[in-house]
Protein backbone atom coordinates (compact mmCIF):
# COMPACT_ATOMS: atom_id res chain seq x y z
CA MET A 1 -22.03 4.02 -13.21
CA GLY A 2 -25.64 5.17 -12.79
CA VAL A 3 -26.45 2.13 -10.65
CA PHE A 4 -23.45 2.84 -8.44
CA LEU A 5 -24.38 6.51 -7.91
CA ALA A 6 -28.00 5.61 -7.14
CA ASP A 7 -27.03 2.94 -4.61
CA LEU A 8 -24.31 5.12 -3.08
CA ALA A 9 -26.98 7.39 -1.60
CA LYS A 10 -28.93 4.43 -0.16
CA TYR A 11 -26.42 1.91 1.17
CA GLU A 12 -24.02 2.51 4.03
CA PHE A 13 -21.60 -0.23 2.94
CA LEU A 14 -21.00 1.64 -0.34
CA GLN A 15 -20.37 4.87 1.53
CA HIS A 16 -17.86 3.08 3.75
CA ALA A 17 -16.18 1.61 0.66
CA LEU A 18 -15.92 5.02 -0.99
CA ALA A 19 -14.43 6.56 2.16
CA ALA A 20 -11.91 3.72 2.43
CA GLY A 21 -10.92 4.25 -1.19
CA VAL A 22 -10.32 7.95 -0.63
CA LEU A 23 -8.25 7.33 2.52
CA ALA A 24 -6.19 4.67 0.79
CA GLY A 25 -5.73 6.80 -2.34
CA VAL A 26 -4.24 9.70 -0.38
CA ALA A 27 -1.78 7.45 1.45
CA CYS A 28 -0.76 5.51 -1.64
CA GLY A 29 -0.01 8.74 -3.51
CA ILE A 30 2.15 10.25 -0.77
CA VAL A 31 4.06 7.13 0.23
CA GLY A 32 4.14 5.71 -3.28
CA THR A 33 6.10 8.78 -4.34
CA TRP A 34 8.85 7.89 -1.86
CA VAL A 35 8.73 4.24 -2.92
CA VAL A 36 9.09 5.07 -6.63
CA THR A 37 11.68 7.82 -6.32
CA ARG A 38 13.85 5.75 -3.96
CA ARG A 39 13.28 2.59 -6.03
CA ILE A 40 12.24 0.43 -3.09
CA THR A 41 9.19 -1.23 -4.62
CA TYR A 42 10.66 -4.67 -3.94
CA LEU A 43 11.06 -3.74 -0.28
CA ALA A 44 7.44 -2.61 -0.11
CA GLY A 45 6.37 -5.86 -1.75
CA GLY A 46 8.29 -7.85 0.86
CA ILE A 47 6.54 -5.99 3.68
CA ALA A 48 3.15 -6.51 2.02
CA HIS A 49 3.54 -10.27 1.73
CA ALA A 50 5.02 -10.65 5.23
CA VAL A 51 1.80 -9.06 6.50
CA LEU A 52 -0.12 -12.29 5.80
CA GLY A 53 1.65 -13.87 8.77
CA GLY A 54 0.24 -11.23 11.13
CA VAL A 55 -3.21 -11.51 9.58
CA GLY A 56 -3.23 -15.29 9.96
CA VAL A 57 -2.04 -15.26 13.59
CA ALA A 58 -4.53 -12.54 14.59
CA ARG A 59 -7.44 -14.32 12.91
CA TYR A 60 -6.45 -17.63 14.53
CA LEU A 61 -6.34 -16.07 18.01
CA GLN A 62 -9.63 -14.30 17.37
CA LYS A 63 -11.55 -17.37 16.23
CA VAL A 64 -9.89 -20.24 18.11
CA HIS A 65 -8.97 -18.55 21.40
CA GLY A 66 -11.87 -16.08 21.62
CA LEU A 67 -9.91 -12.81 21.38
CA GLU A 68 -12.72 -11.00 19.59
CA TRP A 69 -11.07 -7.60 19.95
CA LEU A 70 -8.04 -8.74 17.91
CA ASP A 71 -8.94 -7.54 14.44
CA PRO A 72 -6.78 -9.07 11.68
CA LEU A 73 -5.76 -5.55 10.67
CA TYR A 74 -4.05 -5.21 14.06
CA GLY A 75 -2.05 -8.31 13.24
CA ALA A 76 -1.27 -6.89 9.81
CA LEU A 77 -0.06 -3.66 11.40
CA ALA A 78 2.19 -5.48 13.87
CA ALA A 79 3.69 -7.71 11.16
CA ALA A 80 4.24 -4.76 8.80
CA MET A 81 6.01 -2.65 11.42
CA ALA A 82 8.17 -5.57 12.58
CA SER A 83 9.16 -6.34 8.98
CA ALA A 84 10.03 -2.71 8.25
CA LEU A 85 12.17 -2.37 11.37
CA LEU A 86 13.97 -5.67 10.73
CA ILE A 87 14.76 -4.74 7.13
CA GLY A 88 15.96 -1.31 8.23
CA TRP A 89 18.14 -2.73 10.99
CA VAL A 90 19.76 -5.27 8.66
CA SER A 91 20.45 -2.64 5.98
CA LEU A 92 22.08 -0.36 8.57
CA ARG A 93 23.90 -2.80 10.86
CA ALA A 94 24.24 -6.30 9.51
CA ARG A 95 26.30 -7.74 6.68
CA GLU A 96 23.47 -9.80 5.20
CA ARG A 97 22.30 -8.59 1.80
CA GLU A 98 19.06 -6.62 2.07
CA ASP A 99 17.43 -8.33 -0.91
CA THR A 100 18.13 -11.75 0.62
CA LEU A 101 16.37 -10.78 3.84
CA ILE A 102 13.40 -9.30 1.95
CA SER A 103 12.99 -12.52 -0.05
CA ALA A 104 13.17 -14.61 3.12
CA MET A 105 10.61 -12.44 4.94
CA TRP A 106 8.34 -12.51 1.88
CA ALA A 107 8.30 -16.33 1.94
CA VAL A 108 8.27 -16.81 5.72
CA GLY A 109 5.43 -14.31 6.23
CA MET A 110 3.28 -16.06 3.64
CA ALA A 111 4.13 -19.48 5.08
CA VAL A 112 3.30 -18.48 8.67
CA GLY A 113 0.03 -16.94 7.52
CA LEU A 114 -0.99 -20.04 5.57
CA VAL A 115 -0.17 -22.36 8.50
CA PHE A 116 -2.35 -20.40 10.94
CA ILE A 117 -5.09 -19.91 8.35
CA SER A 118 -5.22 -23.68 7.78
CA ARG A 119 -5.87 -24.12 11.53
CA THR A 120 -8.62 -21.50 11.64
CA PRO A 121 -12.16 -22.83 11.06
CA GLY A 122 -14.07 -21.37 8.11
CA TYR A 123 -11.42 -18.90 7.00
CA GLY A 124 -11.27 -19.63 3.25
CA GLU A 125 -13.43 -16.73 2.11
CA ASP A 126 -11.73 -14.25 4.44
CA LEU A 127 -8.36 -15.36 3.09
CA MET A 128 -9.39 -14.33 -0.41
CA ASN A 129 -10.51 -10.95 0.90
CA TYR A 130 -7.12 -10.27 2.45
CA LEU A 131 -5.15 -11.61 -0.50
CA PHE A 132 -7.10 -9.74 -3.17
CA GLY A 133 -9.05 -7.15 -1.17
CA ASN A 134 -12.77 -6.54 -0.78
CA ILE A 135 -13.45 -2.89 -0.19
CA LEU A 136 -17.20 -3.54 0.06
CA LEU A 137 -16.66 -5.30 3.40
CA VAL A 138 -15.00 -2.32 5.12
CA GLY A 139 -16.95 -1.52 8.28
CA LYS A 140 -17.14 1.56 10.47
CA SER A 141 -14.48 0.27 12.88
CA ASP A 142 -12.17 -0.44 9.94
CA LEU A 143 -12.71 3.10 8.68
CA TRP A 144 -11.61 4.58 12.00
CA LEU A 145 -8.47 2.46 11.93
CA LEU A 146 -7.77 3.44 8.32
CA ALA A 147 -8.34 7.12 9.13
CA GLY A 148 -5.93 6.89 12.08
CA LEU A 149 -3.26 5.30 9.92
CA ASP A 150 -3.82 7.92 7.22
CA VAL A 151 -3.40 10.74 9.73
CA ALA A 152 -0.22 9.15 11.09
CA VAL A 153 1.26 8.90 7.58
CA LEU A 154 0.36 12.52 6.78
CA MET A 155 1.75 13.85 10.05
CA VAL A 156 5.08 12.07 9.62
CA VAL A 157 5.55 13.08 5.98
CA ILE A 158 4.49 16.69 6.49
CA GLY A 159 6.31 17.12 9.80
CA TYR A 160 9.61 15.64 8.60
CA TYR A 161 9.39 16.39 4.87
CA ASN A 162 12.72 18.21 4.53
CA ARG A 163 14.68 15.70 6.60
CA LEU A 164 13.15 12.70 4.84
CA ALA A 165 13.99 14.27 1.48
CA ALA A 166 17.57 14.98 2.56
CA VAL A 167 18.11 11.46 3.88
CA SER A 168 16.54 9.93 0.76
CA PHE A 169 18.45 11.85 -1.90
CA ASP A 170 21.66 13.07 -0.23
CA PRO A 171 22.34 11.13 2.97
CA GLU A 172 25.98 12.23 3.20
CA PHE A 173 25.04 15.92 3.21
CA ALA A 174 22.19 15.23 5.67
CA GLY A 175 24.63 13.48 7.99
CA LEU A 176 27.01 16.45 7.87
CA ARG A 177 24.10 18.72 8.84
CA GLY A 178 23.46 16.61 11.94
CA VAL A 179 20.43 14.68 10.71
CA ASN A 180 20.02 11.24 12.30
CA ILE A 181 20.14 9.21 9.10
CA ALA A 182 19.39 5.84 10.69
CA PHE A 183 16.31 7.15 12.51
CA PHE A 184 14.77 8.74 9.44
CA GLN A 185 15.48 5.75 7.23
CA LEU A 186 13.66 3.55 9.73
CA LEU A 187 10.87 6.11 9.99
CA LEU A 188 10.36 6.08 6.23
CA LEU A 189 10.18 2.28 6.22
CA CYS A 190 7.58 2.40 8.99
CA VAL A 191 5.51 4.85 6.95
CA VAL A 192 5.67 2.44 4.01
CA ALA A 193 4.50 -0.34 6.35
CA LEU A 194 1.54 1.77 7.54
CA SER A 195 0.53 2.46 3.96
CA VAL A 196 0.68 -1.22 3.07
CA VAL A 197 -1.80 -1.97 5.87
CA LEU A 198 -4.02 0.86 4.64
CA LEU A 199 -4.15 -0.54 1.12
CA ILE A 200 -4.79 -4.17 2.08
CA SER A 201 -8.50 -3.46 2.62
CA VAL A 202 -8.76 -1.94 -0.84
CA VAL A 203 -6.73 -4.16 -3.18
CA GLY A 204 -5.35 -6.91 -0.94
CA ILE A 205 -1.86 -8.17 -0.20
CA VAL A 206 -1.13 -9.45 -3.71
CA LEU A 207 -1.97 -6.20 -5.53
CA VAL A 208 -0.89 -3.61 -2.98
CA ILE A 209 2.48 -2.91 -4.57
CA ALA A 210 0.82 -1.93 -7.87
CA LEU A 211 -1.37 0.69 -6.19
CA LEU A 212 1.67 2.11 -4.42
CA ALA A 213 3.75 2.34 -7.58
CA ILE A 214 1.45 3.16 -10.52
CA PRO A 215 -0.07 6.52 -9.41
CA ALA A 216 3.38 7.81 -8.41
CA ALA A 217 4.91 6.57 -11.66
CA ILE A 218 2.23 8.41 -13.67
CA ALA A 219 2.67 11.57 -11.58
CA GLY A 220 6.42 11.43 -12.18
CA ARG A 221 5.81 11.89 -15.90
CA PHE A 222 4.23 15.30 -15.35
CA THR A 223 6.24 16.81 -12.52
CA ARG A 224 9.72 16.52 -11.04
CA ARG A 225 9.12 18.37 -7.78
CA LEU A 226 8.58 15.96 -4.91
CA TRP A 227 5.69 17.74 -3.20
CA SER A 228 3.75 18.25 -6.45
CA MET A 229 4.39 14.62 -7.39
CA MET A 230 2.87 13.57 -4.06
CA ALA A 231 -0.18 15.78 -4.60
CA LEU A 232 -0.81 14.52 -8.15
CA ALA A 233 -0.19 10.89 -7.16
CA SER A 234 -2.70 11.24 -4.30
CA LEU A 235 -5.33 12.64 -6.67
CA LEU A 236 -4.67 9.78 -9.07
CA GLY A 237 -4.83 7.26 -6.23
CA VAL A 238 -8.23 8.57 -5.16
CA ALA A 239 -9.43 8.58 -8.79
CA PHE A 240 -8.31 4.99 -9.36
CA THR A 241 -9.80 3.59 -6.14
CA THR A 242 -13.15 5.36 -6.59
CA GLY A 243 -13.21 4.67 -10.33
CA GLY A 244 -12.41 1.00 -9.78
CA LEU A 245 -15.16 0.74 -7.18
CA ALA A 246 -17.71 2.40 -9.47
CA LEU A 247 -16.80 0.38 -12.57
CA SER A 248 -16.83 -2.94 -10.73
CA TYR A 249 -20.07 -2.46 -8.79
CA ALA A 250 -22.80 -3.07 -11.38
CA PRO A 251 -21.20 -6.09 -13.15
CA GLY A 252 -20.09 -7.59 -9.83
CA LEU A 253 -16.37 -7.60 -10.62
CA PRO A 254 -13.65 -7.63 -7.91
CA ALA A 255 -13.13 -3.99 -6.96
CA GLY A 256 -9.42 -4.39 -6.14
CA ALA A 257 -8.56 -6.05 -9.44
CA THR A 258 -10.65 -3.50 -11.37
CA THR A 259 -8.81 -0.67 -9.62
CA ILE A 260 -5.42 -2.07 -10.62
CA LEU A 261 -6.54 -2.70 -14.22
CA LEU A 262 -7.82 0.87 -14.46
CA ALA A 263 -4.55 2.28 -13.11
CA ALA A 264 -2.43 0.03 -15.32
CA GLY A 265 -4.53 0.91 -18.38
CA VAL A 266 -3.97 4.64 -17.85
CA TYR A 267 -0.25 4.06 -17.30
CA LEU A 268 0.08 2.04 -20.51
CA LEU A 269 -1.86 4.62 -22.53
CA LEU A 270 0.55 7.30 -21.36
CA GLN A 271 3.48 5.14 -22.46
CA LEU A 272 2.20 4.77 -26.03
CA PRO A 273 3.19 8.23 -27.37
CA ALA A 274 6.77 7.82 -26.12
CA ALA A 275 6.96 4.31 -27.57
CA LEU A 276 5.65 5.50 -30.94
CA ARG A 277 8.09 8.42 -30.98
CA GLY A 278 10.91 5.99 -30.26
CA ARG A 279 9.96 3.79 -33.19
CA THR A 280 9.68 6.81 -35.49
CA SER A 281 13.10 8.15 -34.48
CA ARG A 282 14.65 4.73 -35.25
CA GLY A 283 12.96 4.67 -38.65
CA ASP A 284 10.95 1.48 -37.94
């Protein structure tokens, strides 16, 4: 920890990593609360894995066709939003089962990404960064994009908090009050998609669902009010991302994996008292 704090004052890349962790932690706490309370973690996982297709296409166009401005995060954003809207449209209009579509998008997105990645010269190391995250590689341009996405998430959730809550927990009553249920359901899915893109830089595509779910799940043990659950989950998200970065720095461990292990360790420790009480009550 001492090495991390000493180097934090000297190296810009560490400062960028810390800022990215804070931005991602806030978003994962707010949106993760909706994901956990509405029990749509599988949906968020489908969006996260479909994102690889957008990343692969964007990187291919950037390297092979010279579109230097096309950052892979732009491709991730496009793929995430398209996936969210498609899932929302199917759940509202079509007869196809939602879980079937999510599974198909999960597989197709990964397959498309791998095909384009295989055709992109020298992309093996970058692939690992997007799959498992590398917060130490976040640059200034990435930070601006992450900050913009964070602001968009906050504005939507704060501006439409009451309507999103009504649609999420009592859609029939919200419909009777004149709330456009379809619009706000799609809006919530788009917010989830934005958050997935935010978290890819921190923990990668494979681990993003854990960072969305664990802080909110822990916060749900201490509060039942939605707004306070969001606030506590955001604080926990920031603590886990910064703590994971600090703990992984000196030994050279992957920051994303360390972040998830830290979060999962805290979650499991909080489960122990309840598990022990359960065994005692059964007389084991």
